[in-house]
Amino acid sequence: MSVRLNHTIVAARDREETAAFLVEILGLPPATAFGPFLVVDLGNEVSLDVAGADGPVHPQHYAFLVTEEEFDQIWGRIKDRGLTFWADPFHQRPGQINTNDGGRGLYWSDPNDHNLEIITRPYGG
């Protein structure tokens, strides 16, 4: 049996701002409305369904496997926006990227303090 992730809900203080942020930084098509969600399609049969939160948002971690070219494009958009980024998940190495497993990776925060990550190689790969 193969189990694949289909979607996950991303809690947001402002769903429109969060969906637009994800779409812009990751270089994705505009989000679409579905009930209370703004659906950000990642293009691999997985979506991030952004939902407005009635209370506090508890930051989560979302990691995206991207190509080397996509990494450069996303990193460029992060830098163009003046966003702080780190080489590690604990935000101890600002302004750096990592080269774990022979690839490249970095972390940055969305408007809700979710810890976002892009990597060009899966960990342990």
PDB file of N, CA and C in Angstrom:
ATOM      1  N   MET A   1       0.838  -1.173   0.000  1.00  0.00           N
ATOM      2  CA  MET A   1       0.000   0.000   0.000  1.00  0.00           C
ATOM      3  C   MET A   1       0.887   1.242   0.000  1.00  0.00           C
ATOM      4  N   SER A   2       0.519   2.198  -0.788  1.00  0.00           N
ATOM      5  CA  SER A   2       1.238   3.464  -0.850  1.00  0.00           C
ATOM      6  C   SER A   2       0.379   4.555  -0.220  1.00  0.00           C
ATOM      7  N   VAL A   3       0.944   5.233   0.762  1.00  0.00           N
ATOM      8  CA  VAL A   3       0.237   6.338   1.400  1.00  0.00           C
ATOM      9  C   VAL A   3       0.910   7.628   0.963  1.00  0.00           C
ATOM     10  N   ARG A   4       0.123   8.539   0.394  1.00  0.00           N
ATOM     11  CA  ARG A   4       0.667   9.808  -0.062  1.00  0.00           C
ATOM     12  C   ARG A   4      -0.098  10.942   0.594  1.00  0.00           C
ATOM     13  N   LEU A   5       0.637  11.984   0.939  1.00  0.00           N
ATOM     14  CA  LEU A   5       0.001  13.177   1.481  1.00  0.00           C
ATOM     15  C   LEU A   5      -0.776  13.864   0.364  1.00  0.00           C
ATOM     16  N   ASN A   6      -2.027  14.222   0.633  1.00  0.00           N
ATOM     17  CA  ASN A   6      -2.859  14.911  -0.342  1.00  0.00           C
ATOM     18  C   ASN A   6      -2.939  16.404  -0.041  1.00  0.00           C
ATOM     19  N   HIS A   7      -3.131  16.763   1.224  1.00  0.00           N
ATOM     20  CA  HIS A   7      -3.189  18.172   1.611  1.00  0.00           C
ATOM     21  C   HIS A   7      -2.959  18.284   3.110  1.00  0.00           C
ATOM     22  N   THR A   8      -2.639  19.477   3.526  1.00  0.00           N
ATOM     23  CA  THR A   8      -2.582  19.789   4.942  1.00  0.00           C
ATOM     24  C   THR A   8      -3.131  21.192   5.125  1.00  0.00           C
ATOM     25  N   ILE A   9      -3.675  21.439   6.296  1.00  0.00           N
ATOM     26  CA  ILE A   9      -4.247  22.752   6.577  1.00  0.00           C
ATOM     27  C   ILE A   9      -3.183  23.622   7.234  1.00  0.00           C
ATOM     28  N   VAL A  10      -3.039  24.825   6.710  1.00  0.00           N
ATOM     29  CA  VAL A  10      -2.107  25.808   7.248  1.00  0.00           C
ATOM     30  C   VAL A  10      -2.930  26.892   7.939  1.00  0.00           C
ATOM     31  N   ALA A  11      -2.774  26.989   9.242  1.00  0.00           N
ATOM     32  CA  ALA A  11      -3.503  28.016   9.994  1.00  0.00           C
ATOM     33  C   ALA A  11      -2.856  29.376   9.770  1.00  0.00           C
ATOM     34  N   ALA A  12      -3.687  30.400   9.642  1.00  0.00           N
ATOM     35  CA  ALA A  12      -3.182  31.745   9.345  1.00  0.00           C
ATOM     36  C   ALA A  12      -4.025  32.806  10.044  1.00  0.00           C
ATOM     37  N   ARG A  13      -3.348  33.856  10.492  1.00  0.00           N
ATOM     38  CA  ARG A  13      -4.082  35.001  11.039  1.00  0.00           C
ATOM     39  C   ARG A  13      -4.862  35.694   9.923  1.00  0.00           C
ATOM     40  N   ASP A  14      -4.272  35.715   8.721  1.00  0.00           N
ATOM     41  CA  ASP A  14      -4.891  36.335   7.554  1.00  0.00           C
ATOM     42  C   ASP A  14      -4.680  35.378   6.379  1.00  0.00           C
ATOM     43  N   ARG A  15      -5.727  34.652   6.017  1.00  0.00           N
ATOM     44  CA  ARG A  15      -5.549  33.605   4.995  1.00  0.00           C
ATOM     45  C   ARG A  15      -5.149  34.178   3.644  1.00  0.00           C
ATOM     46  N   GLU A  16      -5.673  35.346   3.270  1.00  0.00           N
ATOM     47  CA  GLU A  16      -5.322  35.939   1.982  1.00  0.00           C
ATOM     48  C   GLU A  16      -3.841  36.318   1.944  1.00  0.00           C
ATOM     49  N   GLU A  17      -3.365  36.962   3.013  1.00  0.00           N
ATOM     50  CA  GLU A  17      -1.956  37.345   3.081  1.00  0.00           C
ATOM     51  C   GLU A  17      -1.051  36.117   3.040  1.00  0.00           C
ATOM     52  N   THR A  18      -1.401  35.091   3.789  1.00  0.00           N
ATOM     53  CA  THR A  18      -0.572  33.890   3.860  1.00  0.00           C
ATOM     54  C   THR A  18      -0.552  33.155   2.530  1.00  0.00           C
ATOM     55  N   ALA A  19      -1.708  32.974   1.910  1.00  0.00           N
ATOM     56  CA  ALA A  19      -1.756  32.288   0.613  1.00  0.00           C
ATOM     57  C   ALA A  19      -0.967  33.067  -0.434  1.00  0.00           C
ATOM     58  N   ALA A  20      -1.135  34.394  -0.454  1.00  0.00           N
ATOM     59  CA  ALA A  20      -0.390  35.217  -1.418  1.00  0.00           C
ATOM     60  C   ALA A  20       1.113  35.120  -1.177  1.00  0.00           C
ATOM     61  N   PHE A  21       1.531  35.112   0.086  1.00  0.00           N
ATOM     62  CA  PHE A  21       2.943  34.981   0.436  1.00  0.00           C
ATOM     63  C   PHE A  21       3.507  33.663  -0.091  1.00  0.00           C
ATOM     64  N   LEU A  22       2.813  32.561   0.168  1.00  0.00           N
ATOM     65  CA  LEU A  22       3.283  31.245  -0.288  1.00  0.00           C
ATOM     66  C   LEU A  22       3.373  31.176  -1.807  1.00  0.00           C
ATOM     67  N   VAL A  23       2.333  31.649  -2.462  1.00  0.00           N
ATOM     68  CA  VAL A  23       2.290  31.637  -3.927  1.00  0.00           C
ATOM     69  C   VAL A  23       3.440  32.456  -4.512  1.00  0.00           C
ATOM     70  N   GLU A  24       3.633  33.653  -3.976  1.00  0.00           N
ATOM     71  CA  GLU A  24       4.678  34.539  -4.506  1.00  0.00           C
ATOM     72  C   GLU A  24       6.069  33.963  -4.276  1.00  0.00           C
ATOM     73  N   ILE A  25       6.382  33.599  -3.039  1.00  0.00           N
ATOM     74  CA  ILE A  25       7.727  33.136  -2.720  1.00  0.00           C
ATOM     75  C   ILE A  25       8.049  31.831  -3.427  1.00  0.00           C
ATOM     76  N   LEU A  26       7.099  30.891  -3.459  1.00  0.00           N
ATOM     77  CA  LEU A  26       7.360  29.589  -4.071  1.00  0.00           C
ATOM     78  C   LEU A  26       7.180  29.598  -5.588  1.00  0.00           C
ATOM     79  N   GLY A  27       6.637  30.680  -6.143  1.00  0.00           N
ATOM     80  CA  GLY A  27       6.462  30.757  -7.594  1.00  0.00           C
ATOM     81  C   GLY A  27       5.368  29.843  -8.105  1.00  0.00           C
ATOM     82  N   LEU A  28       4.229  29.850  -7.427  1.00  0.00           N
ATOM     83  CA  LEU A  28       3.122  28.950  -7.754  1.00  0.00           C
ATOM     84  C   LEU A  28       1.951  29.709  -8.357  1.00  0.00           C
ATOM     85  N   PRO A  29       1.012  28.988  -8.998  1.00  0.00           N
ATOM     86  CA  PRO A  29      -0.192  29.637  -9.519  1.00  0.00           C
ATOM     87  C   PRO A  29      -1.021  30.222  -8.371  1.00  0.00           C
ATOM     88  N   PRO A  30      -1.871  31.194  -8.657  1.00  0.00           N
ATOM     89  CA  PRO A  30      -2.706  31.790  -7.611  1.00  0.00           C
ATOM     90  C   PRO A  30      -3.523  30.735  -6.872  1.00  0.00           C
ATOM     91  N   ALA A  31      -3.748  30.992  -5.584  1.00  0.00           N
ATOM     92  CA  ALA A  31      -4.563  30.095  -4.764  1.00  0.00           C
ATOM     93  C   ALA A  31      -6.010  30.165  -5.224  1.00  0.00           C
ATOM     94  N   THR A  32      -6.735  29.076  -5.008  1.00  0.00           N
ATOM     95  CA  THR A  32      -8.153  29.033  -5.349  1.00  0.00           C
ATOM     96  C   THR A  32      -8.965  28.827  -4.074  1.00  0.00           C
ATOM     97  N   ALA A  33     -10.151  29.421  -4.053  1.00  0.00           N
ATOM     98  CA  ALA A  33     -11.024  29.291  -2.893  1.00  0.00           C
ATOM     99  C   ALA A  33     -11.760  27.961  -2.939  1.00  0.00           C
ATOM    100  N   PHE A  34     -11.844  27.310  -1.791  1.00  0.00           N
ATOM    101  CA  PHE A  34     -12.624  26.087  -1.632  1.00  0.00           C
ATOM    102  C   PHE A  34     -13.176  26.102  -0.216  1.00  0.00           C
ATOM    103  N   GLY A  35     -14.459  26.450  -0.093  1.00  0.00           N
ATOM    104  CA  GLY A  35     -15.052  26.577   1.230  1.00  0.00           C
ATOM    105  C   GLY A  35     -14.291  27.620   2.036  1.00  0.00           C
ATOM    106  N   PRO A  36     -13.892  27.286   3.259  1.00  0.00           N
ATOM    107  CA  PRO A  36     -13.188  28.256   4.107  1.00  0.00           C
ATOM    108  C   PRO A  36     -11.688  28.348   3.812  1.00  0.00           C
ATOM    109  N   PHE A  37     -11.228  27.641   2.792  1.00  0.00           N
ATOM    110  CA  PHE A  37      -9.797  27.558   2.506  1.00  0.00           C
ATOM    111  C   PHE A  37      -9.396  28.338   1.261  1.00  0.00           C
ATOM    112  N   LEU A  38      -8.148  28.779   1.243  1.00  0.00           N
ATOM    113  CA  LEU A  38      -7.491  29.191   0.014  1.00  0.00           C
ATOM    114  C   LEU A  38      -6.473  28.095  -0.266  1.00  0.00           C
ATOM    115  N   VAL A  39      -6.643  27.412  -1.380  1.00  0.00           N
ATOM    116  CA  VAL A  39      -5.864  26.228  -1.701  1.00  0.00           C
ATOM    117  C   VAL A  39      -4.653  26.614  -2.549  1.00  0.00           C
ATOM    118  N   VAL A  40      -3.477  26.334  -2.004  1.00  0.00           N
ATOM    119  CA  VAL A  40      -2.215  26.565  -2.706  1.00  0.00           C
ATOM    120  C   VAL A  40      -1.771  25.217  -3.248  1.00  0.00           C
ATOM    121  N   ASP A  41      -1.852  25.070  -4.570  1.00  0.00           N
ATOM    122  CA  ASP A  41      -1.509  23.809  -5.236  1.00  0.00           C
ATOM    123  C   ASP A  41      -0.007  23.747  -5.456  1.00  0.00           C
ATOM    124  N   LEU A  42       0.625  22.730  -4.888  1.00  0.00           N
ATOM    125  CA  LEU A  42       2.076  22.587  -5.021  1.00  0.00           C
ATOM    126  C   LEU A  42       2.483  21.899  -6.320  1.00  0.00           C
ATOM    127  N   GLY A  43       1.517  21.420  -7.102  1.00  0.00           N
ATOM    128  CA  GLY A  43       1.824  20.852  -8.408  1.00  0.00           C
ATOM    129  C   GLY A  43       2.246  19.400  -8.373  1.00  0.00           C
ATOM    130  N   ASN A  44       2.159  18.739  -7.237  1.00  0.00           N
ATOM    131  CA  ASN A  44       2.539  17.329  -7.140  1.00  0.00           C
ATOM    132  C   ASN A  44       1.432  16.535  -6.453  1.00  0.00           C
ATOM    133  N   GLU A  45       0.195  16.936  -6.720  1.00  0.00           N
ATOM    134  CA  GLU A  45      -0.996  16.335  -6.135  1.00  0.00           C
ATOM    135  C   GLU A  45      -1.077  16.559  -4.628  1.00  0.00           C
ATOM    136  N   VAL A  46      -0.407  17.602  -4.138  1.00  0.00           N
ATOM    137  CA  VAL A  46      -0.447  17.995  -2.737  1.00  0.00           C
ATOM    138  C   VAL A  46      -0.797  19.481  -2.692  1.00  0.00           C
ATOM    139  N   SER A  47      -1.613  19.852  -1.714  1.00  0.00           N
ATOM    140  CA  SER A  47      -1.937  21.269  -1.558  1.00  0.00           C
ATOM    141  C   SER A  47      -1.794  21.690  -0.105  1.00  0.00           C
ATOM    142  N   LEU A  48      -1.560  22.981   0.055  1.00  0.00           N
ATOM    143  CA  LEU A  48      -1.608  23.626   1.359  1.00  0.00           C
ATOM    144  C   LEU A  48      -2.929  24.374   1.396  1.00  0.00           C
ATOM    145  N   ASP A  49      -3.801  23.989   2.303  1.00  0.00           N
ATOM    146  CA  ASP A  49      -5.123  24.600   2.401  1.00  0.00           C
ATOM    147  C   ASP A  49      -5.080  25.622   3.533  1.00  0.00           C
ATOM    148  N   VAL A  50      -5.001  26.888   3.164  1.00  0.00           N
ATOM    149  CA  VAL A  50      -4.819  27.961   4.134  1.00  0.00           C
ATOM    150  C   VAL A  50      -6.180  28.341   4.717  1.00  0.00           C
ATOM    151  N   ALA A  51      -6.244  28.311   6.052  1.00  0.00           N
ATOM    152  CA  ALA A  51      -7.489  28.616   6.752  1.00  0.00           C
ATOM    153  C   ALA A  51      -7.244  29.706   7.779  1.00  0.00           C
ATOM    154  N   GLY A  52      -8.179  30.632   7.870  1.00  0.00           N
ATOM    155  CA  GLY A  52      -8.095  31.663   8.886  1.00  0.00           C
ATOM    156  C   GLY A  52      -8.275  31.060  10.273  1.00  0.00           C
ATOM    157  N   ALA A  53      -7.479  31.506  11.212  1.00  0.00           N
ATOM    158  CA  ALA A  53      -7.551  31.005  12.592  1.00  0.00           C
ATOM    159  C   ALA A  53      -8.347  31.979  13.451  1.00  0.00           C
ATOM    160  N   ASP A  54      -9.198  31.451  14.301  1.00  0.00           N
ATOM    161  CA  ASP A  54      -9.967  32.283  15.220  1.00  0.00           C
ATOM    162  C   ASP A  54      -9.152  32.693  16.440  1.00  0.00           C
ATOM    163  N   GLY A  55      -8.126  31.932  16.746  1.00  0.00           N
ATOM    164  CA  GLY A  55      -7.292  32.214  17.911  1.00  0.00           C
ATOM    165  C   GLY A  55      -5.831  32.272  17.506  1.00  0.00           C
ATOM    166  N   PRO A  56      -4.950  32.045  18.446  1.00  0.00           N
ATOM    167  CA  PRO A  56      -3.520  32.080  18.150  1.00  0.00           C
ATOM    168  C   PRO A  56      -3.126  31.011  17.131  1.00  0.00           C
ATOM    169  N   VAL A  57      -2.146  31.330  16.318  1.00  0.00           N
ATOM    170  CA  VAL A  57      -1.604  30.372  15.358  1.00  0.00           C
ATOM    171  C   VAL A  57      -0.368  29.734  15.986  1.00  0.00           C
ATOM    172  N   HIS A  58      -0.339  28.434  16.000  1.00  0.00           N
ATOM    173  CA  HIS A  58       0.807  27.699  16.532  1.00  0.00           C
ATOM    174  C   HIS A  58       1.725  27.353  15.362  1.00  0.00           C
ATOM    175  N   PRO A  59       2.922  27.944  15.323  1.00  0.00           N
ATOM    176  CA  PRO A  59       3.813  27.726  14.185  1.00  0.00           C
ATOM    177  C   PRO A  59       4.123  26.244  13.938  1.00  0.00           C
ATOM    178  N   GLN A  60       4.125  25.899  12.674  1.00  0.00           N
ATOM    179  CA  GLN A  60       4.445  24.548  12.207  1.00  0.00           C
ATOM    180  C   GLN A  60       5.648  24.623  11.275  1.00  0.00           C
ATOM    181  N   HIS A  61       6.104  23.476  10.841  1.00  0.00           N
ATOM    182  CA  HIS A  61       7.225  23.396   9.904  1.00  0.00           C
ATOM    183  C   HIS A  61       6.723  22.786   8.597  1.00  0.00           C
ATOM    184  N   TYR A  62       7.054  23.433   7.481  1.00  0.00           N
ATOM    185  CA  TYR A  62       6.694  22.935   6.152  1.00  0.00           C
ATOM    186  C   TYR A  62       7.955  22.939   5.305  1.00  0.00           C
ATOM    187  N   ALA A  63       8.334  21.765   4.788  1.00  0.00           N
ATOM    188  CA  ALA A  63       9.547  21.628   3.979  1.00  0.00           C
ATOM    189  C   ALA A  63       9.166  21.291   2.543  1.00  0.00           C
ATOM    190  N   PHE A  64       9.862  21.920   1.597  1.00  0.00           N
ATOM    191  CA  PHE A  64       9.571  21.743   0.177  1.00  0.00           C
ATOM    192  C   PHE A  64      10.827  21.263  -0.543  1.00  0.00           C
ATOM    193  N   LEU A  65      10.713  20.151  -1.236  1.00  0.00           N
ATOM    194  CA  LEU A  65      11.797  19.633  -2.066  1.00  0.00           C
ATOM    195  C   LEU A  65      11.700  20.316  -3.423  1.00  0.00           C
ATOM    196  N   VAL A  66      12.770  20.987  -3.830  1.00  0.00           N
ATOM    197  CA  VAL A  66      12.776  21.765  -5.077  1.00  0.00           C
ATOM    198  C   VAL A  66      14.017  21.422  -5.896  1.00  0.00           C
ATOM    199  N   THR A  67      13.999  21.786  -7.166  1.00  0.00           N
ATOM    200  CA  THR A  67      15.177  21.606  -8.017  1.00  0.00           C
ATOM    201  C   THR A  67      16.201  22.687  -7.692  1.00  0.00           C
ATOM    202  N   GLU A  68      17.396  22.519  -8.195  1.00  0.00           N
ATOM    203  CA  GLU A  68      18.435  23.544  -8.007  1.00  0.00           C
ATOM    204  C   GLU A  68      17.985  24.883  -8.593  1.00  0.00           C
ATOM    205  N   GLU A  69      17.364  24.847  -9.768  1.00  0.00           N
ATOM    206  CA  GLU A  69      16.885  26.077 -10.411  1.00  0.00           C
ATOM    207  C   GLU A  69      15.786  26.729  -9.579  1.00  0.00           C
ATOM    208  N   GLU A  70      14.843  25.929  -9.090  1.00  0.00           N
ATOM    209  CA  GLU A  70      13.777  26.471  -8.245  1.00  0.00           C
ATOM    210  C   GLU A  70      14.343  27.051  -6.951  1.00  0.00           C
ATOM    211  N   PHE A  71      15.359  26.388  -6.386  1.00  0.00           N
ATOM    212  CA  PHE A  71      16.006  26.897  -5.176  1.00  0.00           C
ATOM    213  C   PHE A  71      16.526  28.305  -5.431  1.00  0.00           C
ATOM    214  N   ASP A  72      17.259  28.480  -6.538  1.00  0.00           N
ATOM    215  CA  ASP A  72      17.808  29.804  -6.852  1.00  0.00           C
ATOM    216  C   ASP A  72      16.711  30.847  -7.012  1.00  0.00           C
ATOM    217  N   GLN A  73      15.608  30.476  -7.666  1.00  0.00           N
ATOM    218  CA  GLN A  73      14.512  31.415  -7.871  1.00  0.00           C
ATOM    219  C   GLN A  73      13.847  31.800  -6.544  1.00  0.00           C
ATOM    220  N   ILE A  74      13.572  30.801  -5.709  1.00  0.00           N
ATOM    221  CA  ILE A  74      12.926  31.063  -4.418  1.00  0.00           C
ATOM    222  C   ILE A  74      13.858  31.874  -3.520  1.00  0.00           C
ATOM    223  N   TRP A  75      15.121  31.478  -3.458  1.00  0.00           N
ATOM    224  CA  TRP A  75      16.107  32.203  -2.650  1.00  0.00           C
ATOM    225  C   TRP A  75      16.188  33.658  -3.116  1.00  0.00           C
ATOM    226  N   GLY A  76      16.151  33.868  -4.430  1.00  0.00           N
ATOM    227  CA  GLY A  76      16.167  35.223  -4.980  1.00  0.00           C
ATOM    228  C   GLY A  76      14.965  36.030  -4.513  1.00  0.00           C
ATOM    229  N   ARG A  77      13.775  35.419  -4.501  1.00  0.00           N
ATOM    230  CA  ARG A  77      12.578  36.135  -4.043  1.00  0.00           C
ATOM    231  C   ARG A  77      12.654  36.431  -2.544  1.00  0.00           C
ATOM    232  N   ILE A  78      13.228  35.503  -1.781  1.00  0.00           N
ATOM    233  CA  ILE A  78      13.410  35.731  -0.342  1.00  0.00           C
ATOM    234  C   ILE A  78      14.330  36.934  -0.128  1.00  0.00           C
ATOM    235  N   LYS A  79      15.445  36.964  -0.853  1.00  0.00           N
ATOM    236  CA  LYS A  79      16.393  38.078  -0.718  1.00  0.00           C
ATOM    237  C   LYS A  79      15.786  39.377  -1.223  1.00  0.00           C
ATOM    238  N   ASP A  80      15.068  39.323  -2.354  1.00  0.00           N
ATOM    239  CA  ASP A  80      14.440  40.535  -2.909  1.00  0.00           C
ATOM    240  C   ASP A  80      13.460  41.161  -1.915  1.00  0.00           C
ATOM    241  N   ARG A  81      12.790  40.349  -1.130  1.00  0.00           N
ATOM    242  CA  ARG A  81      11.837  40.840  -0.131  1.00  0.00           C
ATOM    243  C   ARG A  81      12.521  41.267   1.155  1.00  0.00           C
ATOM    244  N   GLY A  82      13.827  41.015   1.250  1.00  0.00           N
ATOM    245  CA  GLY A  82      14.546  41.374   2.466  1.00  0.00           C
ATOM    246  C   GLY A  82      14.203  40.495   3.654  1.00  0.00           C
ATOM    247  N   LEU A  83      13.765  39.258   3.376  1.00  0.00           N
ATOM    248  CA  LEU A  83      13.409  38.339   4.452  1.00  0.00           C
ATOM    249  C   LEU A  83      14.658  37.725   5.061  1.00  0.00           C
ATOM    250  N   THR A  84      14.632  37.538   6.350  1.00  0.00           N
ATOM    251  CA  THR A  84      15.723  36.846   7.028  1.00  0.00           C
ATOM    252  C   THR A  84      15.606  35.360   6.721  1.00  0.00           C
ATOM    253  N   PHE A  85      16.733  34.731   6.461  1.00  0.00           N
ATOM    254  CA  PHE A  85      16.751  33.284   6.251  1.00  0.00           C
ATOM    255  C   PHE A  85      17.914  32.694   7.025  1.00  0.00           C
ATOM    256  N   TRP A  86      17.809  31.401   7.274  1.00  0.00           N
ATOM    257  CA  TRP A  86      18.791  30.704   8.090  1.00  0.00           C
ATOM    258  C   TRP A  86      19.188  29.390   7.429  1.00  0.00           C
ATOM    259  N   ALA A  87      20.354  28.870   7.828  1.00  0.00           N
ATOM    260  CA  ALA A  87      20.835  27.580   7.331  1.00  0.00           C
ATOM    261  C   ALA A  87      20.318  26.421   8.178  1.00  0.00           C
ATOM    262  N   ASP A  88      19.656  26.725   9.296  1.00  0.00           N
ATOM    263  CA  ASP A  88      19.276  25.660  10.221  1.00  0.00           C
ATOM    264  C   ASP A  88      17.866  25.897  10.759  1.00  0.00           C
ATOM    265  N   PRO A  89      17.209  24.827  11.219  1.00  0.00           N
ATOM    266  CA  PRO A  89      15.829  24.956  11.682  1.00  0.00           C
ATOM    267  C   PRO A  89      15.676  25.720  12.988  1.00  0.00           C
ATOM    268  N   PHE A  90      16.754  25.897  13.729  1.00  0.00           N
ATOM    269  CA  PHE A  90      16.683  26.602  15.006  1.00  0.00           C
ATOM    270  C   PHE A  90      17.077  28.076  14.875  1.00  0.00           C
ATOM    271  N   HIS A  91      17.323  28.505  13.624  1.00  0.00           N
ATOM    272  CA  HIS A  91      17.597  29.917  13.302  1.00  0.00           C
ATOM    273  C   HIS A  91      18.827  30.441  14.042  1.00  0.00           C
ATOM    274  N   GLN A  92      19.872  29.629  14.054  1.00  0.00           N
ATOM    275  CA  GLN A  92      21.130  30.005  14.692  1.00  0.00           C
ATOM    276  C   GLN A  92      22.163  30.509  13.684  1.00  0.00           C
ATOM    277  N   ARG A  93      21.922  30.278  12.381  1.00  0.00           N
ATOM    278  CA  ARG A  93      22.891  30.650  11.349  1.00  0.00           C
ATOM    279  C   ARG A  93      22.227  31.558  10.303  1.00  0.00           C
ATOM    280  N   PRO A  94      21.985  32.825  10.665  1.00  0.00           N
ATOM    281  CA  PRO A  94      21.290  33.742   9.755  1.00  0.00           C
ATOM    282  C   PRO A  94      22.125  34.078   8.526  1.00  0.00           C
ATOM    283  N   GLY A  95      21.418  34.306   7.407  1.00  0.00           N
ATOM    284  CA  GLY A  95      22.067  34.742   6.178  1.00  0.00           C
ATOM    285  C   GLY A  95      22.895  33.668   5.500  1.00  0.00           C
ATOM    286  N   GLN A  96      22.731  32.416   5.923  1.00  0.00           N
ATOM    287  CA  GLN A  96      23.494  31.311   5.351  1.00  0.00           C
ATOM    288  C   GLN A  96      22.541  30.249   4.813  1.00  0.00           C
ATOM    289  N   ILE A  97      23.064  29.403   3.912  1.00  0.00           N
ATOM    290  CA  ILE A  97      22.343  28.220   3.471  1.00  0.00           C
ATOM    291  C   ILE A  97      23.137  27.009   3.935  1.00  0.00           C
ATOM    292  N   ASN A  98      22.500  25.840   3.936  1.00  0.00           N
ATOM    293  CA  ASN A  98      23.221  24.625   4.297  1.00  0.00           C
ATOM    294  C   ASN A  98      23.489  23.788   3.053  1.00  0.00           C
ATOM    295  N   THR A  99      24.393  22.867   3.176  1.00  0.00           N
ATOM    296  CA  THR A  99      24.724  21.952   2.076  1.00  0.00           C
ATOM    297  C   THR A  99      24.599  20.508   2.553  1.00  0.00           C
ATOM    298  N   ASN A 100      23.567  20.252   3.324  1.00  0.00           N
ATOM    299  CA  ASN A 100      23.332  18.909   3.858  1.00  0.00           C
ATOM    300  C   ASN A 100      23.074  17.907   2.741  1.00  0.00           C
ATOM    301  N   ASP A 101      23.618  16.731   2.895  1.00  0.00           N
ATOM    302  CA  ASP A 101      23.411  15.622   1.954  1.00  0.00           C
ATOM    303  C   ASP A 101      23.792  15.972   0.517  1.00  0.00           C
ATOM    304  N   GLY A 102      24.709  16.933   0.356  1.00  0.00           N
ATOM    305  CA  GLY A 102      25.165  17.297  -0.974  1.00  0.00           C
ATOM    306  C   GLY A 102      24.233  18.213  -1.733  1.00  0.00           C
ATOM    307  N   GLY A 103      23.181  18.671  -1.097  1.00  0.00           N
ATOM    308  CA  GLY A 103      22.251  19.609  -1.723  1.00  0.00           C
ATOM    309  C   GLY A 103      22.362  20.966  -1.046  1.00  0.00           C
ATOM    310  N   ARG A 104      21.337  21.782  -1.245  1.00  0.00           N
ATOM    311  CA  ARG A 104      21.279  23.085  -0.577  1.00  0.00           C
ATOM    312  C   ARG A 104      19.941  23.212   0.137  1.00  0.00           C
ATOM    313  N   GLY A 105      19.958  23.963   1.226  1.00  0.00           N
ATOM    314  CA  GLY A 105      18.729  24.177   1.966  1.00  0.00           C
ATOM    315  C   GLY A 105      18.768  25.477   2.729  1.00  0.00           C
ATOM    316  N   LEU A 106      17.584  25.998   3.022  1.00  0.00           N
ATOM    317  CA  LEU A 106      17.467  27.177   3.866  1.00  0.00           C
ATOM    318  C   LEU A 106      16.085  27.218   4.478  1.00  0.00           C
ATOM    319  N   TYR A 107      15.965  28.021   5.516  1.00  0.00           N
ATOM    320  CA  TYR A 107      14.729  28.193   6.275  1.00  0.00           C
ATOM    321  C   TYR A 107      14.363  29.675   6.311  1.00  0.00           C
ATOM    322  N   TRP A 108      13.067  29.970   6.354  1.00  0.00           N
ATOM    323  CA  TRP A 108      12.586  31.331   6.543  1.00  0.00           C
ATOM    324  C   TRP A 108      11.187  31.241   7.154  1.00  0.00           C
ATOM    325  N   SER A 109      10.683  32.351   7.617  1.00  0.00           N
ATOM    326  CA  SER A 109       9.375  32.366   8.283  1.00  0.00           C
ATOM    327  C   SER A 109       8.324  33.027   7.409  1.00  0.00           C
ATOM    328  N   ASP A 110       7.097  32.529   7.530  1.00  0.00           N
ATOM    329  CA  ASP A 110       5.975  33.173   6.844  1.00  0.00           C
ATOM    330  C   ASP A 110       5.359  34.204   7.796  1.00  0.00           C
ATOM    331  N   PRO A 111       4.308  34.909   7.386  1.00  0.00           N
ATOM    332  CA  PRO A 111       3.717  35.944   8.249  1.00  0.00           C
ATOM    333  C   PRO A 111       3.172  35.424   9.581  1.00  0.00           C
ATOM    334  N   ASN A 112       3.001  34.098   9.722  1.00  0.00           N
ATOM    335  CA  ASN A 112       2.491  33.493  10.949  1.00  0.00           C
ATOM    336  C   ASN A 112       3.577  32.830  11.774  1.00  0.00           C
ATOM    337  N   ASP A 113       4.815  33.042  11.374  1.00  0.00           N
ATOM    338  CA  ASP A 113       5.981  32.412  11.994  1.00  0.00           C
ATOM    339  C   ASP A 113       6.070  30.917  11.748  1.00  0.00           C
ATOM    340  N   HIS A 114       5.360  30.398  10.738  1.00  0.00           N
ATOM    341  CA  HIS A 114       5.590  29.013  10.332  1.00  0.00           C
ATOM    342  C   HIS A 114       7.021  28.941   9.809  1.00  0.00           C
ATOM    343  N   ASN A 115       7.712  27.865  10.135  1.00  0.00           N
ATOM    344  CA  ASN A 115       9.105  27.669   9.743  1.00  0.00           C
ATOM    345  C   ASN A 115       9.125  26.946   8.397  1.00  0.00           C
ATOM    346  N   LEU A 116       9.385  27.682   7.331  1.00  0.00           N
ATOM    347  CA  LEU A 116       9.392  27.127   5.981  1.00  0.00           C
ATOM    348  C   LEU A 116      10.811  26.729   5.594  1.00  0.00           C
ATOM    349  N   GLU A 117      10.916  25.692   4.773  1.00  0.00           N
ATOM    350  CA  GLU A 117      12.226  25.183   4.364  1.00  0.00           C
ATOM    351  C   GLU A 117      12.180  24.777   2.902  1.00  0.00           C
ATOM    352  N   ILE A 118      13.262  25.068   2.176  1.00  0.00           N
ATOM    353  CA  ILE A 118      13.453  24.489   0.846  1.00  0.00           C
ATOM    354  C   ILE A 118      14.749  23.690   0.884  1.00  0.00           C
ATOM    355  N   ILE A 119      14.711  22.532   0.242  1.00  0.00           N
ATOM    356  CA  ILE A 119      15.882  21.659   0.121  1.00  0.00           C
ATOM    357  C   ILE A 119      15.946  21.138  -1.309  1.00  0.00           C
ATOM    358  N   THR A 120      17.156  20.883  -1.780  1.00  0.00           N
ATOM    359  CA  THR A 120      17.323  20.325  -3.120  1.00  0.00           C
ATOM    360  C   THR A 120      17.600  18.827  -3.101  1.00  0.00           C
ATOM    361  N   ARG A 121      17.832  18.274  -1.919  1.00  0.00           N
ATOM    362  CA  ARG A 121      17.999  16.826  -1.762  1.00  0.00           C
ATOM    363  C   ARG A 121      17.267  16.399  -0.496  1.00  0.00           C
ATOM    364  N   PRO A 122      16.580  15.268  -0.536  1.00  0.00           N
ATOM    365  CA  PRO A 122      15.944  14.794   0.698  1.00  0.00           C
ATOM    366  C   PRO A 122      17.011  14.453   1.743  1.00  0.00           C
ATOM    367  N   TYR A 123      16.694  14.666   2.992  1.00  0.00           N
ATOM    368  CA  TYR A 123      17.636  14.303   4.046  1.00  0.00           C
ATOM    369  C   TYR A 123      17.851  12.796   4.061  1.00  0.00           C
ATOM    370  N   GLY A 124      19.081  12.420   4.247  1.00  0.00           N
ATOM    371  CA  GLY A 124      19.432  11.006   4.245  1.00  0.00           C
ATOM    372  C   GLY A 124      19.593  10.437   2.859  1.00  0.00           C
ATOM    373  N   GLY A 125      19.446  11.291   1.831  1.00  0.00           N
ATOM    374  CA  GLY A 125      19.514  10.823   0.449  1.00  0.00           C
ATOM    375  C   GLY A 125      20.831  11.061  -0.072  1.00  0.00           C
TER     376      GLY A 125
END
